[in-house]
């Protein structure tokens, strides 16, 4: 998911003159209260163009890279992504 966020920012910066990209990752997660899958935001990242331009994307670890940006993400190795708290 984190590599997809970086790719989305790359594509936005390539075609638009924005100085910042706010990227959200959404997936369907099971709501245990209703038993239904619902779309939920699992990652939100604010990426400044100036910071993005300094990254070496050939060697960066996408998950560690999120520390360079203001982000909200809830991930556990044993559970995976879960809905994060709202900013």
PDB file of N, CA and C in Angstrom:
ATOM      1  N   UNK A   1       0.821  -1.181   0.000  1.00  0.00           N
ATOM      2  CA  UNK A   1       0.000   0.000   0.000  1.00  0.00           C
ATOM      3  C   UNK A   1       0.873   1.255   0.000  1.00  0.00           C
ATOM      4  N   UNK A   2       1.945   1.243   0.769  1.00  0.00           N
ATOM      5  CA  UNK A   2       2.808   2.426   0.846  1.00  0.00           C
ATOM      6  C   UNK A   2       3.490   2.713  -0.490  1.00  0.00           C
ATOM      7  N   UNK A   3       3.870   1.662  -1.215  1.00  0.00           N
ATOM      8  CA  UNK A   3       4.467   1.885  -2.530  1.00  0.00           C
ATOM      9  C   UNK A   3       3.437   2.451  -3.501  1.00  0.00           C
ATOM     10  N   UNK A   4       2.178   2.072  -3.352  1.00  0.00           N
ATOM     11  CA  UNK A   4       1.111   2.628  -4.193  1.00  0.00           C
ATOM     12  C   UNK A   4       0.915   4.111  -3.900  1.00  0.00           C
ATOM     13  N   UNK A   5       1.031   4.488  -2.635  1.00  0.00           N
ATOM     14  CA  UNK A   5       0.924   5.901  -2.249  1.00  0.00           C
ATOM     15  C   UNK A   5       2.038   6.703  -2.913  1.00  0.00           C
ATOM     16  N   UNK A   6       3.261   6.175  -2.868  1.00  0.00           N
ATOM     17  CA  UNK A   6       4.384   6.872  -3.496  1.00  0.00           C
ATOM     18  C   UNK A   6       4.193   6.973  -5.004  1.00  0.00           C
ATOM     19  N   UNK A   7       3.681   5.922  -5.610  1.00  0.00           N
ATOM     20  CA  UNK A   7       3.439   5.940  -7.062  1.00  0.00           C
ATOM     21  C   UNK A   7       2.370   6.965  -7.420  1.00  0.00           C
ATOM     22  N   UNK A   8       1.306   7.040  -6.634  1.00  0.00           N
ATOM     23  CA  UNK A   8       0.249   8.018  -6.894  1.00  0.00           C
ATOM     24  C   UNK A   8       0.797   9.444  -6.800  1.00  0.00           C
ATOM     25  N   UNK A   9       1.629   9.685  -5.798  1.00  0.00           N
ATOM     26  CA  UNK A   9       2.233  11.015  -5.663  1.00  0.00           C
ATOM     27  C   UNK A   9       3.125  11.319  -6.863  1.00  0.00           C
ATOM     28  N   UNK A  10       3.880  10.331  -7.298  1.00  0.00           N
ATOM     29  CA  UNK A  10       4.749  10.507  -8.461  1.00  0.00           C
ATOM     30  C   UNK A  10       3.944  10.899  -9.686  1.00  0.00           C
ATOM     31  N   UNK A  11       2.856  10.198  -9.911  1.00  0.00           N
ATOM     32  CA  UNK A  11       2.005  10.482 -11.077  1.00  0.00           C
ATOM     33  C   UNK A  11       1.381  11.879 -10.970  1.00  0.00           C
ATOM     34  N   UNK A  12       0.928  12.259  -9.788  1.00  0.00           N
ATOM     35  CA  UNK A  12       0.330  13.589  -9.610  1.00  0.00           C
ATOM     36  C   UNK A  12       1.357  14.691  -9.856  1.00  0.00           C
ATOM     37  N   UNK A  13       2.544  14.528  -9.264  1.00  0.00           N
ATOM     38  CA  UNK A  13       3.580  15.547  -9.441  1.00  0.00           C
ATOM     39  C   UNK A  13       4.055  15.633 -10.896  1.00  0.00           C
ATOM     40  N   UNK A  14       3.987  14.538 -11.628  1.00  0.00           N
ATOM     41  CA  UNK A  14       4.434  14.532 -13.024  1.00  0.00           C
ATOM     42  C   UNK A  14       3.507  15.323 -13.937  1.00  0.00           C
ATOM     43  N   UNK A  15       2.214  15.371 -13.613  1.00  0.00           N
ATOM     44  CA  UNK A  15       1.276  16.006 -14.545  1.00  0.00           C
ATOM     45  C   UNK A  15       0.625  17.286 -14.012  1.00  0.00           C
ATOM     46  N   UNK A  16       0.757  17.547 -12.724  1.00  0.00           N
ATOM     47  CA  UNK A  16       0.110  18.725 -12.146  1.00  0.00           C
ATOM     48  C   UNK A  16       1.122  19.567 -11.373  1.00  0.00           C
ATOM     49  N   UNK A  17       0.928  20.868 -11.330  1.00  0.00           N
ATOM     50  CA  UNK A  17       1.904  21.738 -10.668  1.00  0.00           C
ATOM     51  C   UNK A  17       1.703  21.858  -9.153  1.00  0.00           C
ATOM     52  N   UNK A  18       1.087  20.891  -8.530  1.00  0.00           N
ATOM     53  CA  UNK A  18       0.846  20.941  -7.091  1.00  0.00           C
ATOM     54  C   UNK A  18       2.156  20.899  -6.321  1.00  0.00           C
ATOM     55  N   UNK A  19       2.192  21.583  -5.178  1.00  0.00           N
ATOM     56  CA  UNK A  19       3.347  21.531  -4.293  1.00  0.00           C
ATOM     57  C   UNK A  19       3.191  20.462  -3.219  1.00  0.00           C
ATOM     58  N   UNK A  20       1.956  19.966  -3.058  1.00  0.00           N
ATOM     59  CA  UNK A  20       1.679  18.899  -2.103  1.00  0.00           C
ATOM     60  C   UNK A  20       0.641  17.958  -2.678  1.00  0.00           C
ATOM     61  N   UNK A  21       0.759  16.685  -2.303  1.00  0.00           N
ATOM     62  CA  UNK A  21      -0.243  15.691  -2.689  1.00  0.00           C
ATOM     63  C   UNK A  21      -0.762  15.053  -1.407  1.00  0.00           C
ATOM     64  N   UNK A  22      -2.057  14.939  -1.302  1.00  0.00           N
ATOM     65  CA  UNK A  22      -2.697  14.284  -0.164  1.00  0.00           C
ATOM     66  C   UNK A  22      -3.296  12.993  -0.710  1.00  0.00           C
ATOM     67  N   UNK A  23      -2.693  11.872  -0.363  1.00  0.00           N
ATOM     68  CA  UNK A  23      -3.073  10.584  -0.940  1.00  0.00           C
ATOM     69  C   UNK A  23      -3.748   9.724   0.119  1.00  0.00           C
ATOM     70  N   UNK A  24      -4.889   9.152  -0.238  1.00  0.00           N
ATOM     71  CA  UNK A  24      -5.619   8.257   0.656  1.00  0.00           C
ATOM     72  C   UNK A  24      -5.676   6.868   0.027  1.00  0.00           C
ATOM     73  N   UNK A  25      -5.506   5.852   0.844  1.00  0.00           N
ATOM     74  CA  UNK A  25      -5.679   4.474   0.401  1.00  0.00           C
ATOM     75  C   UNK A  25      -6.951   3.921   1.024  1.00  0.00           C
ATOM     76  N   UNK A  26      -7.848   3.425   0.181  1.00  0.00           N
ATOM     77  CA  UNK A  26      -9.144   2.930   0.650  1.00  0.00           C
ATOM     78  C   UNK A  26      -9.298   1.476   0.226  1.00  0.00           C
ATOM     79  N   UNK A  27      -9.827   0.657   1.120  1.00  0.00           N
ATOM     80  CA  UNK A  27     -10.123  -0.738   0.794  1.00  0.00           C
ATOM     81  C   UNK A  27     -11.388  -1.144   1.538  1.00  0.00           C
ATOM     82  N   UNK A  28     -11.932  -2.278   1.166  1.00  0.00           N
ATOM     83  CA  UNK A  28     -13.098  -2.794   1.872  1.00  0.00           C
ATOM     84  C   UNK A  28     -12.639  -3.676   3.029  1.00  0.00           C
ATOM     85  N   UNK A  29     -13.112  -3.354   4.220  1.00  0.00           N
ATOM     86  CA  UNK A  29     -12.797  -4.114   5.420  1.00  0.00           C
ATOM     87  C   UNK A  29     -14.089  -4.609   6.057  1.00  0.00           C
ATOM     88  N   UNK A  30     -13.989  -5.713   6.730  1.00  0.00           N
ATOM     89  CA  UNK A  30     -15.147  -6.282   7.403  1.00  0.00           C
ATOM     90  C   UNK A  30     -15.517  -5.451   8.626  1.00  0.00           C
ATOM     91  N   UNK A  31     -16.760  -5.031   8.684  1.00  0.00           N
ATOM     92  CA  UNK A  31     -17.295  -4.361   9.869  1.00  0.00           C
ATOM     93  C   UNK A  31     -17.860  -5.459  10.760  1.00  0.00           C
ATOM     94  N   UNK A  32     -17.217  -5.718  11.889  1.00  0.00           N
ATOM     95  CA  UNK A  32     -17.625  -6.828  12.746  1.00  0.00           C
ATOM     96  C   UNK A  32     -18.983  -6.576  13.404  1.00  0.00           C
ATOM     97  N   UNK A  33     -19.445  -5.334  13.415  1.00  0.00           N
ATOM     98  CA  UNK A  33     -20.756  -5.030  14.001  1.00  0.00           C
ATOM     99  C   UNK A  33     -21.894  -5.418  13.076  1.00  0.00           C
ATOM    100  N   UNK A  34     -21.649  -5.288  11.753  1.00  0.00           N
ATOM    101  CA  UNK A  34     -22.713  -5.583  10.796  1.00  0.00           C
ATOM    102  C   UNK A  34     -22.459  -6.862  10.008  1.00  0.00           C
ATOM    103  N   UNK A  35     -21.215  -7.326   9.997  1.00  0.00           N
ATOM    104  CA  UNK A  35     -20.863  -8.507   9.210  1.00  0.00           C
ATOM    105  C   UNK A  35     -20.688  -8.206   7.737  1.00  0.00           C
ATOM    106  N   UNK A  36     -20.717  -6.930   7.361  1.00  0.00           N
ATOM    107  CA  UNK A  36     -20.586  -6.516   5.964  1.00  0.00           C
ATOM    108  C   UNK A  36     -19.239  -5.860   5.721  1.00  0.00           C
ATOM    109  N   UNK A  37     -18.760  -5.966   4.483  1.00  0.00           N
ATOM    110  CA  UNK A  37     -17.559  -5.243   4.100  1.00  0.00           C
ATOM    111  C   UNK A  37     -17.944  -3.818   3.739  1.00  0.00           C
ATOM    112  N   UNK A  38     -17.124  -2.880   4.209  1.00  0.00           N
ATOM    113  CA  UNK A  38     -17.378  -1.464   3.971  1.00  0.00           C
ATOM    114  C   UNK A  38     -16.086  -0.786   3.544  1.00  0.00           C
ATOM    115  N   UNK A  39     -16.190   0.215   2.658  1.00  0.00           N
ATOM    116  CA  UNK A  39     -14.977   0.945   2.276  1.00  0.00           C
ATOM    117  C   UNK A  39     -14.451   1.747   3.469  1.00  0.00           C
ATOM    118  N   UNK A  40     -13.148   1.618   3.729  1.00  0.00           N
ATOM    119  CA  UNK A  40     -12.520   2.319   4.854  1.00  0.00           C
ATOM    120  C   UNK A  40     -11.166   2.861   4.411  1.00  0.00           C
ATOM    121  N   UNK A  41     -10.824   4.026   4.901  1.00  0.00           N
ATOM    122  CA  UNK A  41      -9.505   4.610   4.660  1.00  0.00           C
ATOM    123  C   UNK A  41      -8.512   3.898   5.574  1.00  0.00           C
ATOM    124  N   UNK A  42      -7.446   3.347   4.983  1.00  0.00           N
ATOM    125  CA  UNK A  42      -6.448   2.659   5.801  1.00  0.00           C
ATOM    126  C   UNK A  42      -5.120   3.407   5.843  1.00  0.00           C
ATOM    127  N   UNK A  43      -4.960   4.392   4.954  1.00  0.00           N
ATOM    128  CA  UNK A  43      -3.752   5.217   4.992  1.00  0.00           C
ATOM    129  C   UNK A  43      -4.061   6.577   4.370  1.00  0.00           C
ATOM    130  N   UNK A  44      -3.552   7.624   4.997  1.00  0.00           N
ATOM    131  CA  UNK A  44      -3.620   8.983   4.466  1.00  0.00           C
ATOM    132  C   UNK A  44      -2.243   9.606   4.645  1.00  0.00           C
ATOM    133  N   UNK A  45      -1.738  10.200   3.573  1.00  0.00           N
ATOM    134  CA  UNK A  45      -0.380  10.754   3.616  1.00  0.00           C
ATOM    135  C   UNK A  45      -0.364  12.109   2.919  1.00  0.00           C
ATOM    136  N   UNK A  46       0.247  13.102   3.560  1.00  0.00           N
ATOM    137  CA  UNK A  46       0.459  14.417   2.958  1.00  0.00           C
ATOM    138  C   UNK A  46       1.914  14.471   2.499  1.00  0.00           C
ATOM    139  N   UNK A  47       2.120  14.580   1.184  1.00  0.00           N
ATOM    140  CA  UNK A  47       3.460  14.487   0.612  1.00  0.00           C
ATOM    141  C   UNK A  47       3.841  15.813  -0.053  1.00  0.00           C
ATOM    142  N   UNK A  48       4.777  16.550   0.542  1.00  0.00           N
ATOM    143  CA  UNK A  48       5.277  17.762  -0.115  1.00  0.00           C
ATOM    144  C   UNK A  48       6.173  17.401  -1.293  1.00  0.00           C
ATOM    145  N   UNK A  49       6.026  18.129  -2.376  1.00  0.00           N
ATOM    146  CA  UNK A  49       6.841  17.880  -3.569  1.00  0.00           C
ATOM    147  C   UNK A  49       8.336  17.994  -3.234  1.00  0.00           C
ATOM    148  N   UNK A  50       8.700  18.976  -2.413  1.00  0.00           N
ATOM    149  CA  UNK A  50      10.114  19.191  -2.092  1.00  0.00           C
ATOM    150  C   UNK A  50      10.720  17.987  -1.364  1.00  0.00           C
ATOM    151  N   UNK A  51       9.984  17.368  -0.471  1.00  0.00           N
ATOM    152  CA  UNK A  51      10.475  16.186   0.233  1.00  0.00           C
ATOM    153  C   UNK A  51      10.509  14.991  -0.709  1.00  0.00           C
ATOM    154  N   UNK A  52       9.468  14.838  -1.494  1.00  0.00           N
ATOM    155  CA  UNK A  52       9.402  13.719  -2.441  1.00  0.00           C
ATOM    156  C   UNK A  52      10.587  13.751  -3.406  1.00  0.00           C
ATOM    157  N   UNK A  53      10.982  14.944  -3.826  1.00  0.00           N
ATOM    158  CA  UNK A  53      12.063  15.090  -4.797  1.00  0.00           C
ATOM    159  C   UNK A  53      13.412  14.623  -4.243  1.00  0.00           C
ATOM    160  N   UNK A  54      13.556  14.552  -2.931  1.00  0.00           N
ATOM    161  CA  UNK A  54      14.829  14.139  -2.335  1.00  0.00           C
ATOM    162  C   UNK A  54      14.950  12.627  -2.173  1.00  0.00           C
ATOM    163  N   UNK A  55      13.874  11.887  -2.404  1.00  0.00           N
ATOM    164  CA  UNK A  55      13.876  10.447  -2.179  1.00  0.00           C
ATOM    165  C   UNK A  55      14.614   9.692  -3.285  1.00  0.00           C
ATOM    166  N   UNK A  56      15.339   8.655  -2.890  1.00  0.00           N
ATOM    167  CA  UNK A  56      15.930   7.736  -3.850  1.00  0.00           C
ATOM    168  C   UNK A  56      14.981   6.541  -3.931  1.00  0.00           C
ATOM    169  N   UNK A  57      14.066   6.571  -4.868  1.00  0.00           N
ATOM    170  CA  UNK A  57      13.010   5.565  -4.951  1.00  0.00           C
ATOM    171  C   UNK A  57      13.522   4.179  -5.332  1.00  0.00           C
ATOM    172  N   UNK A  58      14.753   4.093  -5.813  1.00  0.00           N
ATOM    173  CA  UNK A  58      15.318   2.780  -6.152  1.00  0.00           C
ATOM    174  C   UNK A  58      15.698   1.982  -4.901  1.00  0.00           C
ATOM    175  N   UNK A  59      15.984   2.671  -3.811  1.00  0.00           N
ATOM    176  CA  UNK A  59      16.461   1.970  -2.615  1.00  0.00           C
ATOM    177  C   UNK A  59      15.616   2.194  -1.373  1.00  0.00           C
ATOM    178  N   UNK A  60      14.644   3.079  -1.430  1.00  0.00           N
ATOM    179  CA  UNK A  60      13.846   3.400  -0.247  1.00  0.00           C
ATOM    180  C   UNK A  60      12.896   2.253   0.109  1.00  0.00           C
ATOM    181  N   UNK A  61      12.690   2.035   1.409  1.00  0.00           N
ATOM    182  CA  UNK A  61      11.669   1.089   1.872  1.00  0.00           C
ATOM    183  C   UNK A  61      10.370   1.881   1.988  1.00  0.00           C
ATOM    184  N   UNK A  62       9.328   1.523   1.230  1.00  0.00           N
ATOM    185  CA  UNK A  62       8.097   2.328   1.214  1.00  0.00           C
ATOM    186  C   UNK A  62       7.462   2.523   2.592  1.00  0.00           C
ATOM    187  N   UNK A  63       7.470   1.504   3.432  1.00  0.00           N
ATOM    188  CA  UNK A  63       6.859   1.638   4.763  1.00  0.00           C
ATOM    189  C   UNK A  63       7.674   2.602   5.615  1.00  0.00           C
ATOM    190  N   UNK A  64       8.990   2.442   5.646  1.00  0.00           N
ATOM    191  CA  UNK A  64       9.847   3.359   6.405  1.00  0.00           C
ATOM    192  C   UNK A  64       9.769   4.776   5.853  1.00  0.00           C
ATOM    193  N   UNK A  65       9.572   4.888   4.556  1.00  0.00           N
ATOM    194  CA  UNK A  65       9.518   6.189   3.899  1.00  0.00           C
ATOM    195  C   UNK A  65       8.355   7.053   4.397  1.00  0.00           C
ATOM    196  N   UNK A  66       7.297   6.430   4.863  1.00  0.00           N
ATOM    197  CA  UNK A  66       6.142   7.185   5.330  1.00  0.00           C
ATOM    198  C   UNK A  66       6.502   8.088   6.512  1.00  0.00           C
ATOM    199  N   UNK A  67       7.586   7.781   7.215  1.00  0.00           N
ATOM    200  CA  UNK A  67       8.037   8.621   8.331  1.00  0.00           C
ATOM    201  C   UNK A  67       8.497   9.996   7.868  1.00  0.00           C
ATOM    202  N   UNK A  68       8.771  10.134   6.579  1.00  0.00           N
ATOM    203  CA  UNK A  68       9.168  11.431   6.025  1.00  0.00           C
ATOM    204  C   UNK A  68       7.994  12.391   5.882  1.00  0.00           C
ATOM    205  N   UNK A  69       6.792  11.887   6.022  1.00  0.00           N
ATOM    206  CA  UNK A  69       5.593  12.675   5.741  1.00  0.00           C
ATOM    207  C   UNK A  69       4.616  12.623   6.912  1.00  0.00           C
ATOM    208  N   UNK A  70       3.731  13.611   6.964  1.00  0.00           N
ATOM    209  CA  UNK A  70       2.614  13.546   7.911  1.00  0.00           C
ATOM    210  C   UNK A  70       1.678  12.464   7.391  1.00  0.00           C
ATOM    211  N   UNK A  71       1.414  11.468   8.229  1.00  0.00           N
ATOM    212  CA  UNK A  71       0.587  10.356   7.767  1.00  0.00           C
ATOM    213  C   UNK A  71      -0.212   9.747   8.915  1.00  0.00           C
ATOM    214  N   UNK A  72      -1.260   9.052   8.545  1.00  0.00           N
ATOM    215  CA  UNK A  72      -2.078   8.266   9.472  1.00  0.00           C
ATOM    216  C   UNK A  72      -2.215   6.888   8.865  1.00  0.00           C
ATOM    217  N   UNK A  73      -1.725   5.892   9.618  1.00  0.00           N
ATOM    218  CA  UNK A  73      -1.754   4.528   9.120  1.00  0.00           C
ATOM    219  C   UNK A  73      -1.737   3.604  10.330  1.00  0.00           C
ATOM    220  N   UNK A  74      -2.590   2.596  10.311  1.00  0.00           N
ATOM    221  CA  UNK A  74      -2.599   1.584  11.368  1.00  0.00           C
ATOM    222  C   UNK A  74      -2.270   0.246  10.720  1.00  0.00           C
ATOM    223  N   UNK A  75      -1.083  -0.271  11.022  1.00  0.00           N
ATOM    224  CA  UNK A  75      -0.640  -1.530  10.421  1.00  0.00           C
ATOM    225  C   UNK A  75       0.065  -2.359  11.481  1.00  0.00           C
ATOM    226  N   UNK A  76      -0.286  -3.623  11.548  1.00  0.00           N
ATOM    227  CA  UNK A  76       0.385  -4.563  12.443  1.00  0.00           C
ATOM    228  C   UNK A  76       0.749  -5.801  11.640  1.00  0.00           C
ATOM    229  N   UNK A  77       1.951  -6.318  11.848  1.00  0.00           N
ATOM    230  CA  UNK A  77       2.402  -7.474  11.066  1.00  0.00           C
ATOM    231  C   UNK A  77       1.481  -8.667  11.236  1.00  0.00           C
ATOM    232  N   UNK A  78       0.923  -8.851  12.407  1.00  0.00           N
ATOM    233  CA  UNK A  78       0.074 -10.014  12.667  1.00  0.00           C
ATOM    234  C   UNK A  78      -1.377  -9.800  12.253  1.00  0.00           C
ATOM    235  N   UNK A  79      -1.765  -8.534  11.970  1.00  0.00           N
ATOM    236  CA  UNK A  79      -3.165  -8.236  11.653  1.00  0.00           C
ATOM    237  C   UNK A  79      -3.345  -7.549  10.296  1.00  0.00           C
ATOM    238  N   UNK A  80      -2.300  -6.890   9.827  1.00  0.00           N
ATOM    239  CA  UNK A  80      -2.402  -6.137   8.571  1.00  0.00           C
ATOM    240  C   UNK A  80      -2.932  -4.733   8.814  1.00  0.00           C
ATOM    241  N   UNK A  81      -3.504  -4.142   7.794  1.00  0.00           N
ATOM    242  CA  UNK A  81      -4.048  -2.783   7.898  1.00  0.00           C
ATOM    243  C   UNK A  81      -5.378  -2.807   8.641  1.00  0.00           C
ATOM    244  N   UNK A  82      -5.618  -1.743   9.372  1.00  0.00           N
ATOM    245  CA  UNK A  82      -6.920  -1.524   9.983  1.00  0.00           C
ATOM    246  C   UNK A  82      -7.245  -0.043   9.840  1.00  0.00           C
ATOM    247  N   UNK A  83      -8.511   0.319   9.966  1.00  0.00           N
ATOM    248  CA  UNK A  83      -8.864   1.728   9.799  1.00  0.00           C
ATOM    249  C   UNK A  83      -8.088   2.585  10.793  1.00  0.00           C
ATOM    250  N   UNK A  84      -7.463   3.618  10.305  1.00  0.00           N
ATOM    251  CA  UNK A  84      -6.717   4.520  11.175  1.00  0.00           C
ATOM    252  C   UNK A  84      -7.624   5.539  11.823  1.00  0.00           C
ATOM    253  N   UNK A  85      -7.060   6.289  12.728  1.00  0.00           N
ATOM    254  CA  UNK A  85      -7.825   7.369  13.357  1.00  0.00           C
ATOM    255  C   UNK A  85      -7.835   8.554  12.429  1.00  0.00           C
ATOM    256  N   UNK A  86      -8.879   9.327  12.484  1.00  0.00           N
ATOM    257  CA  UNK A  86      -8.996  10.503  11.625  1.00  0.00           C
ATOM    258  C   UNK A  86      -7.980  11.542  12.055  1.00  0.00           C
ATOM    259  N   UNK A  87      -7.403  12.252  11.086  1.00  0.00           N
ATOM    260  CA  UNK A  87      -6.416  13.281  11.421  1.00  0.00           C
ATOM    261  C   UNK A  87      -7.016  14.407  12.227  1.00  0.00           C
TER     262      UNK A  87
END
